Amino acid sequence: MLPTSHWSELRENTCVWGIRILYTIHGWFGYWPFRLCLFPVVCFYWASMPLARRASREYLERLEAFTGVWGRKPNWMDTWRHIALFSETMLDKILAVSGRYPFQKITVSGEELLKDRFGQGGIIMTAHVGCLELCRSLAERVPHLHLHVLVHTQHAQEFNRLLDRFQPESRLHLMEVTDIHPGTATLLSSYVERGDFLAIAGDRVPVGGGKTVCVPFLGHDAPFPVGPYLLAHLLQCPLYLMVSVHEKKSYAVHMELLAEKVLVHRGNRKESFAEYARIFSDALARLLKQSPYDWFNFFSFWNQKHE
């Protein structure tokens, strides 16, 4: 078993100047020269990060045992491919926020959920799957949609500053989750009441000691935050899921309604939250079976420190 840790304790491994060079190579010469230059970078990262390799192997083995997606036991090549896909996705993140990604190649399912409910806000749960920035960029393309993203960026400040340079003007409002205090609830409520959406990751244990529930994920109990469900309950608004996964040579953005309203039983709040966390984890497992290398949590997800 991998050592118990918290994802926010992992040091940032982003080499900003290296990403900028690779981005320039892609702009000048195209995708395949970019991939050739990326190859030694991926090899170095794979060889020098044993914890990431082991976390990848743990996830891939549990995905295979739960879904039978490959019909064989994952090996070291699968962990290399997993990390390589994550590295390629770094470029897609920058292309997405800079508006240079070919959005016409993306397939979108569930987009009508936002358009048909114009004026009704809600909570959008995301996950560290595929290219999250594509979801954000596509959301900006929906007329009159305002999205407030609750984030924790302290462990990846350099890469996020790089993204900011490519997206100086945005209708997205980023809010640090570590800054949330009782008064913030009133602010978030005002956003939803005017028809805005709040986006929050549902696959990361809270940084500031927030509550979690343990539910099965890929056949093993894992901690999930209760924050998204608690917010949806307090704000009395719908709860959605939005993620992107690789599909052919591009991505498929998937959106679905998880709950019209999050109902919490007075006598057993934790079990109520666990019920919704199971819905989320089941949806996540279903999407990962569709694109198994798209899970980008390179730490022991099942063995995190949590409350």
C-alpha atoms as a PDB file:
ATOM      1  CA  MET A   1       0.000   0.000   0.000  1.00  0.00           C
ATOM      2  CA  LEU A   2       1.197   3.516  -0.806  1.00  0.00           C
ATOM      3  CA  PRO A   3       2.013   5.815   2.127  1.00  0.00           C
ATOM      4  CA  THR A   4      -0.806   7.876   3.600  1.00  0.00           C
ATOM      5  CA  SER A   5      -0.627  11.467   2.373  1.00  0.00           C
ATOM      6  CA  HIS A   6      -2.701  14.419   1.229  1.00  0.00           C
ATOM      7  CA  TRP A   7      -2.709  15.548  -2.401  1.00  0.00           C
ATOM      8  CA  SER A   8      -1.977  19.176  -1.430  1.00  0.00           C
ATOM      9  CA  GLU A   9       1.289  18.081   0.218  1.00  0.00           C
ATOM     10  CA  LEU A  10       2.738  16.982  -3.119  1.00  0.00           C
ATOM     11  CA  ARG A  11       5.311  19.404  -4.441  1.00  0.00           C
ATOM     12  CA  GLU A  12       4.778  21.029  -7.811  1.00  0.00           C
ATOM     13  CA  ASN A  13       6.786  19.361 -10.585  1.00  0.00           C
ATOM     14  CA  THR A  14       5.841  21.788 -13.328  1.00  0.00           C
ATOM     15  CA  CYS A  15       8.755  23.114 -15.387  1.00  0.00           C
ATOM     16  CA  VAL A  16       7.187  26.289 -16.726  1.00  0.00           C
ATOM     17  CA  TRP A  17       9.953  27.190 -19.159  1.00  0.00           C
ATOM     18  CA  GLY A  18       9.872  23.640 -20.534  1.00  0.00           C
ATOM     19  CA  ILE A  19       6.111  23.827 -21.108  1.00  0.00           C
ATOM     20  CA  ARG A  20       6.504  27.175 -22.861  1.00  0.00           C
ATOM     21  CA  ILE A  21       9.189  25.722 -25.149  1.00  0.00           C
ATOM     22  CA  LEU A  22       7.011  22.731 -26.025  1.00  0.00           C
ATOM     23  CA  TYR A  23       4.047  25.039 -26.607  1.00  0.00           C
ATOM     24  CA  THR A  24       6.201  27.087 -29.020  1.00  0.00           C
ATOM     25  CA  ILE A  25       7.337  23.930 -30.831  1.00  0.00           C
ATOM     26  CA  HIS A  26       3.696  22.931 -31.281  1.00  0.00           C
ATOM     27  CA  GLY A  27       2.859  26.378 -32.638  1.00  0.00           C
ATOM     28  CA  TRP A  28       5.734  26.389 -35.121  1.00  0.00           C
ATOM     29  CA  PHE A  29       5.955  22.780 -36.257  1.00  0.00           C
ATOM     30  CA  GLY A  30       2.737  21.030 -35.277  1.00  0.00           C
ATOM     31  CA  TYR A  31       1.640  18.148 -33.126  1.00  0.00           C
ATOM     32  CA  TRP A  32       4.040  15.341 -34.087  1.00  0.00           C
ATOM     33  CA  PRO A  33       7.259  17.335 -33.562  1.00  0.00           C
ATOM     34  CA  PHE A  34       5.777  18.331 -30.207  1.00  0.00           C
ATOM     35  CA  ARG A  35       5.235  14.664 -29.314  1.00  0.00           C
ATOM     36  CA  LEU A  36       8.783  13.753 -30.328  1.00  0.00           C
ATOM     37  CA  CYS A  37      10.189  16.464 -28.053  1.00  0.00           C
ATOM     38  CA  LEU A  38       7.836  15.404 -25.273  1.00  0.00           C
ATOM     39  CA  PHE A  39       9.013  11.780 -25.320  1.00  0.00           C
ATOM     40  CA  PRO A  40      12.267  12.268 -23.331  1.00  0.00           C
ATOM     41  CA  VAL A  41      10.420  14.531 -20.877  1.00  0.00           C
ATOM     42  CA  VAL A  42       7.878  11.808 -20.141  1.00  0.00           C
ATOM     43  CA  CYS A  43      10.640   9.208 -19.795  1.00  0.00           C
ATOM     44  CA  PHE A  44      12.479  11.388 -17.278  1.00  0.00           C
ATOM     45  CA  TYR A  45       9.343  12.077 -15.248  1.00  0.00           C
ATOM     46  CA  TRP A  46       8.302   8.409 -15.280  1.00  0.00           C
ATOM     47  CA  ALA A  47      11.768   7.271 -14.164  1.00  0.00           C
ATOM     48  CA  SER A  48      12.256   9.943 -11.489  1.00  0.00           C
ATOM     49  CA  MET A  49       8.812   9.866  -9.830  1.00  0.00           C
ATOM     50  CA  PRO A  50       8.304   6.441  -8.207  1.00  0.00           C
ATOM     51  CA  LEU A  51       5.293   7.618  -6.187  1.00  0.00           C
ATOM     52  CA  ALA A  52       3.479   8.703  -9.365  1.00  0.00           C
ATOM     53  CA  ARG A  53       4.323   5.357 -11.018  1.00  0.00           C
ATOM     54  CA  ARG A  54       3.029   3.381  -8.069  1.00  0.00           C
ATOM     55  CA  ALA A  55      -0.122   5.475  -7.775  1.00  0.00           C
ATOM     56  CA  SER A  56      -0.753   4.998 -11.487  1.00  0.00           C
ATOM     57  CA  ARG A  57      -0.272   1.238 -11.181  1.00  0.00           C
ATOM     58  CA  GLU A  58      -2.638   1.077  -8.194  1.00  0.00           C
ATOM     59  CA  TYR A  59      -5.365   2.970 -10.061  1.00  0.00           C
ATOM     60  CA  LEU A  60      -4.972   1.009 -13.305  1.00  0.00           C
ATOM     61  CA  GLU A  61      -5.044  -2.357 -11.530  1.00  0.00           C
ATOM     62  CA  ARG A  62      -8.179  -1.425  -9.613  1.00  0.00           C
ATOM     63  CA  LEU A  63      -9.857  -0.120 -12.750  1.00  0.00           C
ATOM     64  CA  GLU A  64      -9.092  -3.387 -14.552  1.00  0.00           C
ATOM     65  CA  ALA A  65     -10.324  -5.511 -11.638  1.00  0.00           C
ATOM     66  CA  PHE A  66     -13.558  -3.505 -11.435  1.00  0.00           C
ATOM     67  CA  THR A  67     -14.357  -3.025 -15.130  1.00  0.00           C
ATOM     68  CA  GLY A  68     -12.236  -5.537 -17.080  1.00  0.00           C
ATOM     69  CA  VAL A  69     -11.501  -2.731 -19.534  1.00  0.00           C
ATOM     70  CA  TRP A  70      -8.306  -4.373 -20.906  1.00  0.00           C
ATOM     71  CA  GLY A  71      -8.877  -8.024 -20.093  1.00  0.00           C
ATOM     72  CA  ARG A  72      -5.332  -8.286 -18.715  1.00  0.00           C
ATOM     73  CA  LYS A  73      -3.292  -7.005 -15.794  1.00  0.00           C
ATOM     74  CA  PRO A  74      -1.825  -3.521 -16.415  1.00  0.00           C
ATOM     75  CA  ASN A  75       1.963  -3.386 -16.679  1.00  0.00           C
ATOM     76  CA  TRP A  76       4.698  -0.744 -16.584  1.00  0.00           C
ATOM     77  CA  MET A  77       3.931   0.327 -20.145  1.00  0.00           C
ATOM     78  CA  ASP A  78       0.426   1.250 -19.063  1.00  0.00           C
ATOM     79  CA  THR A  79       1.799   3.500 -16.312  1.00  0.00           C
ATOM     80  CA  TRP A  80       4.079   5.153 -18.895  1.00  0.00           C
ATOM     81  CA  ARG A  81       1.140   5.695 -21.239  1.00  0.00           C
ATOM     82  CA  HIS A  82      -0.896   7.077 -18.347  1.00  0.00           C
ATOM     83  CA  ILE A  83       1.749   9.680 -17.482  1.00  0.00           C
ATOM     84  CA  ALA A  84       2.364  10.447 -21.168  1.00  0.00           C
ATOM     85  CA  LEU A  85      -1.319  11.239 -21.713  1.00  0.00           C
ATOM     86  CA  PHE A  86      -1.240  13.560 -18.701  1.00  0.00           C
ATOM     87  CA  SER A  87       1.778  15.348 -20.194  1.00  0.00           C
ATOM     88  CA  GLU A  88       0.063  15.800 -23.543  1.00  0.00           C
ATOM     89  CA  THR A  89      -2.989  17.142 -21.764  1.00  0.00           C
ATOM     90  CA  MET A  90      -0.849  19.964 -20.348  1.00  0.00           C
ATOM     91  CA  LEU A  91      -0.608  21.344 -23.887  1.00  0.00           C
ATOM     92  CA  ASP A  92      -4.362  21.003 -24.385  1.00  0.00           C
ATOM     93  CA  LYS A  93      -4.942  23.000 -21.188  1.00  0.00           C
ATOM     94  CA  ILE A  94      -2.916  25.913 -22.565  1.00  0.00           C
ATOM     95  CA  LEU A  95      -4.523  25.670 -26.010  1.00  0.00           C
ATOM     96  CA  ALA A  96      -7.966  25.657 -24.394  1.00  0.00           C
ATOM     97  CA  VAL A  97      -7.494  28.747 -22.236  1.00  0.00           C
ATOM     98  CA  SER A  98      -5.773  30.633 -25.082  1.00  0.00           C
ATOM     99  CA  GLY A  99      -8.643  29.854 -27.452  1.00  0.00           C
ATOM    100  CA  ARG A 100      -6.395  27.932 -29.855  1.00  0.00           C
ATOM    101  CA  TYR A 101      -7.875  24.478 -29.291  1.00  0.00           C
ATOM    102  CA  PRO A 102     -10.010  23.235 -32.241  1.00  0.00           C
ATOM    103  CA  PHE A 103     -13.280  23.270 -30.319  1.00  0.00           C
ATOM    104  CA  GLN A 104     -15.200  22.044 -33.360  1.00  0.00           C
ATOM    105  CA  LYS A 105     -13.642  18.609 -32.845  1.00  0.00           C
ATOM    106  CA  ILE A 106     -15.112  18.255 -29.360  1.00  0.00           C
ATOM    107  CA  THR A 107     -18.337  16.345 -28.837  1.00  0.00           C
ATOM    108  CA  VAL A 108     -20.573  17.646 -26.054  1.00  0.00           C
ATOM    109  CA  SER A 109     -23.348  15.731 -24.337  1.00  0.00           C
ATOM    110  CA  GLY A 110     -25.713  17.346 -21.865  1.00  0.00           C
ATOM    111  CA  GLU A 111     -25.026  20.958 -22.889  1.00  0.00           C
ATOM    112  CA  GLU A 112     -28.782  21.511 -23.116  1.00  0.00           C
ATOM    113  CA  LEU A 113     -28.995  21.116 -19.336  1.00  0.00           C
ATOM    114  CA  LEU A 114     -27.448  24.574 -18.946  1.00  0.00           C
ATOM    115  CA  LYS A 115     -29.234  26.228 -21.851  1.00  0.00           C
ATOM    116  CA  ASP A 116     -32.689  24.863 -20.952  1.00  0.00           C
ATOM    117  CA  ARG A 117     -32.359  26.039 -17.340  1.00  0.00           C
ATOM    118  CA  PHE A 118     -31.352  29.592 -18.118  1.00  0.00           C
ATOM    119  CA  GLY A 119     -31.615  31.744 -15.010  1.00  0.00           C
ATOM    120  CA  GLN A 120     -31.457  28.793 -12.601  1.00  0.00           C
ATOM    121  CA  GLY A 121     -28.058  28.420 -10.939  1.00  0.00           C
ATOM    122  CA  GLY A 122     -26.502  25.288  -9.545  1.00  0.00           C
ATOM    123  CA  ILE A 123     -23.427  23.370  -8.462  1.00  0.00           C
ATOM    124  CA  ILE A 124     -21.246  21.736 -11.132  1.00  0.00           C
ATOM    125  CA  MET A 125     -19.050  18.924  -9.837  1.00  0.00           C
ATOM    126  CA  THR A 126     -15.869  18.291 -11.771  1.00  0.00           C
ATOM    127  CA  ALA A 127     -13.002  15.825 -11.416  1.00  0.00           C
ATOM    128  CA  HIS A 128      -9.334  15.616 -12.344  1.00  0.00           C
ATOM    129  CA  VAL A 129     -10.189  13.706 -15.484  1.00  0.00           C
ATOM    130  CA  GLY A 130      -9.146  14.676 -19.007  1.00  0.00           C
ATOM    131  CA  CYS A 131      -8.760  18.382 -19.737  1.00  0.00           C
ATOM    132  CA  LEU A 132     -10.787  20.312 -17.191  1.00  0.00           C
ATOM    133  CA  GLU A 133      -9.890  23.613 -18.868  1.00  0.00           C
ATOM    134  CA  LEU A 134     -11.870  22.511 -21.936  1.00  0.00           C
ATOM    135  CA  CYS A 135     -14.981  22.259 -19.764  1.00  0.00           C
ATOM    136  CA  ARG A 136     -14.331  25.750 -18.420  1.00  0.00           C
ATOM    137  CA  SER A 137     -13.677  27.181 -21.870  1.00  0.00           C
ATOM    138  CA  LEU A 138     -16.786  25.572 -23.335  1.00  0.00           C
ATOM    139  CA  ALA A 139     -18.820  26.896 -20.422  1.00  0.00           C
ATOM    140  CA  GLU A 140     -17.675  30.378 -21.368  1.00  0.00           C
ATOM    141  CA  ARG A 141     -19.131  29.826 -24.833  1.00  0.00           C
ATOM    142  CA  VAL A 142     -22.653  29.356 -23.399  1.00  0.00           C
ATOM    143  CA  PRO A 143     -24.342  32.790 -23.589  1.00  0.00           C
ATOM    144  CA  HIS A 144     -25.011  34.502 -20.257  1.00  0.00           C
ATOM    145  CA  LEU A 145     -23.384  31.709 -18.254  1.00  0.00           C
ATOM    146  CA  HIS A 146     -21.293  32.859 -15.319  1.00  0.00           C
ATOM    147  CA  LEU A 147     -19.099  30.266 -13.635  1.00  0.00           C
ATOM    148  CA  HIS A 148     -17.354  30.607 -10.290  1.00  0.00           C
ATOM    149  CA  VAL A 149     -14.682  27.946  -9.841  1.00  0.00           C
ATOM    150  CA  LEU A 150     -13.744  26.960  -6.285  1.00  0.00           C
ATOM    151  CA  VAL A 151     -10.080  25.942  -6.454  1.00  0.00           C
ATOM    152  CA  HIS A 152      -6.952  25.226  -4.454  1.00  0.00           C
ATOM    153  CA  THR A 153      -3.966  26.352  -6.493  1.00  0.00           C
ATOM    154  CA  GLN A 154      -1.216  26.716  -3.909  1.00  0.00           C
ATOM    155  CA  HIS A 155       0.392  23.380  -4.847  1.00  0.00           C
ATOM    156  CA  ALA A 156       0.580  24.351  -8.548  1.00  0.00           C
ATOM    157  CA  GLN A 157       1.110  28.090  -8.537  1.00  0.00           C
ATOM    158  CA  GLU A 158       3.648  28.203 -11.377  1.00  0.00           C
ATOM    159  CA  PHE A 159       1.475  26.303 -13.837  1.00  0.00           C
ATOM    160  CA  ASN A 160      -1.622  28.303 -12.924  1.00  0.00           C
ATOM    161  CA  ARG A 161       0.261  31.568 -13.432  1.00  0.00           C
ATOM    162  CA  LEU A 162       1.244  30.262 -16.860  1.00  0.00           C
ATOM    163  CA  LEU A 163      -2.426  29.576 -17.679  1.00  0.00           C
ATOM    164  CA  ASP A 164      -3.330  33.096 -16.544  1.00  0.00           C
ATOM    165  CA  ARG A 165      -0.896  34.552 -19.087  1.00  0.00           C
ATOM    166  CA  PHE A 166      -2.755  32.827 -21.902  1.00  0.00           C
ATOM    167  CA  GLN A 167      -6.170  33.843 -20.571  1.00  0.00           C
ATOM    168  CA  PRO A 168      -5.866  37.419 -19.281  1.00  0.00           C
ATOM    169  CA  GLU A 169      -9.584  38.163 -19.738  1.00  0.00           C
ATOM    170  CA  SER A 170     -12.099  35.583 -18.656  1.00  0.00           C
ATOM    171  CA  ARG A 171     -15.665  35.376 -17.423  1.00  0.00           C
ATOM    172  CA  LEU A 172     -14.515  32.680 -15.005  1.00  0.00           C
ATOM    173  CA  HIS A 173     -14.122  33.717 -11.399  1.00  0.00           C
ATOM    174  CA  LEU A 174     -11.584  31.630  -9.475  1.00  0.00           C
ATOM    175  CA  MET A 175     -12.092  31.470  -5.706  1.00  0.00           C
ATOM    176  CA  GLU A 176      -9.525  29.840  -3.412  1.00  0.00           C
ATOM    177  CA  VAL A 177     -11.240  27.135  -1.358  1.00  0.00           C
ATOM    178  CA  THR A 178      -8.850  27.748   1.536  1.00  0.00           C
ATOM    179  CA  ASP A 179     -10.307  31.250   1.855  1.00  0.00           C
ATOM    180  CA  ILE A 180     -13.890  30.103   2.392  1.00  0.00           C
ATOM    181  CA  HIS A 181     -15.324  31.236   5.726  1.00  0.00           C
ATOM    182  CA  PRO A 182     -18.879  31.502   7.131  1.00  0.00           C
ATOM    183  CA  GLY A 183     -19.455  34.816   5.371  1.00  0.00           C
ATOM    184  CA  THR A 184     -18.623  33.205   2.031  1.00  0.00           C
ATOM    185  CA  ALA A 185     -21.848  31.172   2.143  1.00  0.00           C
ATOM    186  CA  THR A 186     -23.885  34.359   1.739  1.00  0.00           C
ATOM    187  CA  LEU A 187     -21.802  35.373  -1.279  1.00  0.00           C
ATOM    188  CA  LEU A 188     -22.144  31.950  -2.907  1.00  0.00           C
ATOM    189  CA  SER A 189     -25.884  32.009  -2.283  1.00  0.00           C
ATOM    190  CA  SER A 190     -26.185  35.364  -4.059  1.00  0.00           C
ATOM    191  CA  TYR A 191     -24.343  33.922  -7.078  1.00  0.00           C
ATOM    192  CA  VAL A 192     -26.718  30.965  -7.387  1.00  0.00           C
ATOM    193  CA  GLU A 193     -29.819  33.093  -6.804  1.00  0.00           C
ATOM    194  CA  ARG A 194     -28.939  35.259  -9.798  1.00  0.00           C
ATOM    195  CA  GLY A 195     -28.461  32.177 -11.986  1.00  0.00           C
ATOM    196  CA  ASP A 196     -24.697  31.639 -11.754  1.00  0.00           C
ATOM    197  CA  PHE A 197     -22.979  28.269 -11.365  1.00  0.00           C
ATOM    198  CA  LEU A 198     -20.396  27.150  -8.841  1.00  0.00           C
ATOM    199  CA  ALA A 199     -17.846  24.558 -10.005  1.00  0.00           C
ATOM    200  CA  ILE A 200     -16.050  22.421  -7.443  1.00  0.00           C
ATOM    201  CA  ALA A 201     -13.924  19.272  -7.694  1.00  0.00           C
ATOM    202  CA  GLY A 202     -15.547  16.203  -6.202  1.00  0.00           C
ATOM    203  CA  ASP A 203     -12.456  13.973  -6.189  1.00  0.00           C
ATOM    204  CA  ARG A 204     -10.099  15.794  -3.812  1.00  0.00           C
ATOM    205  CA  VAL A 205     -10.101  15.628  -0.010  1.00  0.00           C
ATOM    206  CA  PRO A 206     -10.521  19.180   1.387  1.00  0.00           C
ATOM    207  CA  VAL A 207      -7.383  21.118   2.250  1.00  0.00           C
ATOM    208  CA  GLY A 208      -8.708  22.873   5.324  1.00  0.00           C
ATOM    209  CA  GLY A 209      -9.910  19.819   7.207  1.00  0.00           C
ATOM    210  CA  GLY A 210     -13.366  19.578   5.655  1.00  0.00           C
ATOM    211  CA  LYS A 211     -15.538  16.538   6.188  1.00  0.00           C
ATOM    212  CA  THR A 212     -15.475  13.486   3.961  1.00  0.00           C
ATOM    213  CA  VAL A 213     -17.389  10.260   3.478  1.00  0.00           C
ATOM    214  CA  CYS A 214     -15.949   6.917   2.393  1.00  0.00           C
ATOM    215  CA  VAL A 215     -17.785   5.148  -0.421  1.00  0.00           C
ATOM    216  CA  PRO A 216     -16.752   2.403  -2.867  1.00  0.00           C
ATOM    217  CA  PHE A 217     -14.776   3.547  -5.899  1.00  0.00           C
ATOM    218  CA  LEU A 218     -13.473   0.915  -8.316  1.00  0.00           C
ATOM    219  CA  GLY A 219     -14.207  -1.757  -5.719  1.00  0.00           C
ATOM    220  CA  HIS A 220     -12.417  -0.123  -2.761  1.00  0.00           C
ATOM    221  CA  ASP A 221     -13.539   2.440  -0.198  1.00  0.00           C
ATOM    222  CA  ALA A 222     -12.187   5.930  -0.898  1.00  0.00           C
ATOM    223  CA  PRO A 223     -12.702   9.316   0.782  1.00  0.00           C
ATOM    224  CA  PHE A 224     -14.793  11.909  -1.042  1.00  0.00           C
ATOM    225  CA  PRO A 225     -15.521  15.460   0.122  1.00  0.00           C
ATOM    226  CA  VAL A 226     -19.027  16.317   1.305  1.00  0.00           C
ATOM    227  CA  GLY A 227     -18.573  19.993   0.362  1.00  0.00           C
ATOM    228  CA  PRO A 228     -20.352  19.870  -3.038  1.00  0.00           C
ATOM    229  CA  TYR A 229     -23.376  18.071  -1.582  1.00  0.00           C
ATOM    230  CA  LEU A 230     -23.528  20.303   1.476  1.00  0.00           C
ATOM    231  CA  LEU A 231     -23.412  23.408  -0.728  1.00  0.00           C
ATOM    232  CA  ALA A 232     -26.147  22.092  -3.020  1.00  0.00           C
ATOM    233  CA  HIS A 233     -28.267  21.257   0.045  1.00  0.00           C
ATOM    234  CA  LEU A 234     -27.776  24.642   1.719  1.00  0.00           C
ATOM    235  CA  LEU A 235     -28.344  26.585  -1.506  1.00  0.00           C
ATOM    236  CA  GLN A 236     -31.276  24.374  -2.569  1.00  0.00           C
ATOM    237  CA  CYS A 237     -30.041  24.092  -6.138  1.00  0.00           C
ATOM    238  CA  PRO A 238     -29.432  21.312  -8.685  1.00  0.00           C
ATOM    239  CA  LEU A 239     -26.191  19.301  -8.680  1.00  0.00           C
ATOM    240  CA  TYR A 240     -24.471  18.496 -11.993  1.00  0.00           C
ATOM    241  CA  LEU A 241     -21.422  16.566 -13.174  1.00  0.00           C
ATOM    242  CA  MET A 242     -19.155  17.899 -15.934  1.00  0.00           C
ATOM    243  CA  VAL A 243     -15.932  16.233 -17.080  1.00  0.00           C
ATOM    244  CA  SER A 244     -14.045  15.659 -20.318  1.00  0.00           C
ATOM    245  CA  VAL A 245     -12.450  12.446 -21.541  1.00  0.00           C
ATOM    246  CA  HIS A 246     -10.299  11.687 -24.571  1.00  0.00           C
ATOM    247  CA  GLU A 247     -12.258  10.463 -27.558  1.00  0.00           C
ATOM    248  CA  LYS A 248     -10.466   9.536 -30.776  1.00  0.00           C
ATOM    249  CA  LYS A 249      -8.162  12.500 -31.502  1.00  0.00           C
ATOM    250  CA  SER A 250     -10.026  15.002 -29.371  1.00  0.00           C
ATOM    251  CA  TYR A 251     -12.304  15.070 -26.307  1.00  0.00           C
ATOM    252  CA  ALA A 252     -15.854  14.373 -25.318  1.00  0.00           C
ATOM    253  CA  VAL A 253     -17.336  16.704 -22.712  1.00  0.00           C
ATOM    254  CA  HIS A 254     -19.953  14.965 -20.631  1.00  0.00           C
ATOM    255  CA  MET A 255     -22.532  16.695 -18.457  1.00  0.00           C
ATOM    256  CA  GLU A 256     -25.338  15.096 -16.492  1.00  0.00           C
ATOM    257  CA  LEU A 257     -27.746  15.961 -13.711  1.00  0.00           C
ATOM    258  CA  LEU A 258     -26.785  14.152 -10.494  1.00  0.00           C
ATOM    259  CA  ALA A 259     -29.622  15.489  -8.347  1.00  0.00           C
ATOM    260  CA  GLU A 260     -32.424  18.003  -8.803  1.00  0.00           C
ATOM    261  CA  LYS A 261     -32.151  18.684  -5.087  1.00  0.00           C
ATOM    262  CA  VAL A 262     -29.810  17.298  -2.461  1.00  0.00           C
ATOM    263  CA  LEU A 263     -31.943  16.059   0.410  1.00  0.00           C
ATOM    264  CA  VAL A 264     -30.330  15.468   3.801  1.00  0.00           C
ATOM    265  CA  HIS A 265     -31.962  13.356   6.504  1.00  0.00           C
ATOM    266  CA  ARG A 266     -31.768  14.996   9.895  1.00  0.00           C
ATOM    267  CA  GLY A 267     -30.958  11.821  11.761  1.00  0.00           C
ATOM    268  CA  ASN A 268     -28.184  10.651   9.464  1.00  0.00           C
ATOM    269  CA  ARG A 269     -26.548  13.453   7.525  1.00  0.00           C
ATOM    270  CA  LYS A 270     -23.404  11.459   6.786  1.00  0.00           C
ATOM    271  CA  GLU A 271     -25.311   8.624   5.127  1.00  0.00           C
ATOM    272  CA  SER A 272     -27.254  11.165   3.066  1.00  0.00           C
ATOM    273  CA  PHE A 273     -24.018  12.672   1.776  1.00  0.00           C
ATOM    274  CA  ALA A 274     -22.612   9.183   1.170  1.00  0.00           C
ATOM    275  CA  GLU A 275     -25.591   8.387  -1.040  1.00  0.00           C
ATOM    276  CA  TYR A 276     -24.758  11.276  -3.372  1.00  0.00           C
ATOM    277  CA  ALA A 277     -21.026  10.520  -3.238  1.00  0.00           C
ATOM    278  CA  ARG A 278     -21.835   6.995  -4.455  1.00  0.00           C
ATOM    279  CA  ILE A 279     -23.761   8.450  -7.389  1.00  0.00           C
ATOM    280  CA  PHE A 280     -20.740  10.595  -8.240  1.00  0.00           C
ATOM    281  CA  SER A 281     -18.210   7.759  -7.859  1.00  0.00           C
ATOM    282  CA  ASP A 282     -20.340   5.419 -10.007  1.00  0.00           C
ATOM    283  CA  ALA A 283     -20.558   8.047 -12.761  1.00  0.00           C
ATOM    284  CA  LEU A 284     -16.799   8.603 -12.544  1.00  0.00           C
ATOM    285  CA  ALA A 285     -16.059   4.876 -12.829  1.00  0.00           C
ATOM    286  CA  ARG A 286     -18.333   4.614 -15.856  1.00  0.00           C
ATOM    287  CA  LEU A 287     -16.517   7.455 -17.624  1.00  0.00           C
ATOM    288  CA  LEU A 288     -13.070   6.062 -16.774  1.00  0.00           C
ATOM    289  CA  LYS A 289     -14.009   2.735 -18.316  1.00  0.00           C
ATOM    290  CA  GLN A 290     -14.638   4.731 -21.494  1.00  0.00           C
ATOM    291  CA  SER A 291     -11.186   6.394 -21.311  1.00  0.00           C
ATOM    292  CA  PRO A 292      -9.036   4.580 -18.714  1.00  0.00           C
ATOM    293  CA  TYR A 293      -5.869   6.705 -18.922  1.00  0.00           C
ATOM    294  CA  ASP A 294      -7.713   9.957 -18.189  1.00  0.00           C
ATOM    295  CA  TRP A 295      -7.470   9.796 -14.372  1.00  0.00           C
ATOM    296  CA  PHE A 296      -4.939  12.412 -13.289  1.00  0.00           C
ATOM    297  CA  ASN A 297      -4.626  11.927  -9.524  1.00  0.00           C
ATOM    298  CA  PHE A 298      -1.056  10.696  -9.174  1.00  0.00           C
ATOM    299  CA  PHE A 299      -1.196   9.838  -5.489  1.00  0.00           C
ATOM    300  CA  SER A 300      -2.850   7.044  -3.526  1.00  0.00           C
ATOM    301  CA  PHE A 301      -6.450   8.154  -3.845  1.00  0.00           C
ATOM    302  CA  TRP A 302      -7.686   5.403  -1.549  1.00  0.00           C
ATOM    303  CA  ASN A 303      -5.164   6.082   1.186  1.00  0.00           C
ATOM    304  CA  GLN A 304      -5.449   9.833   1.771  1.00  0.00           C
ATOM    305  CA  LYS A 305      -5.457  11.518   5.142  1.00  0.00           C
ATOM    306  CA  HIS A 306      -9.014  12.637   5.793  1.00  0.00           C
ATOM    307  CA  GLU A 307     -11.539  13.297   8.534  1.00  0.00           C
END
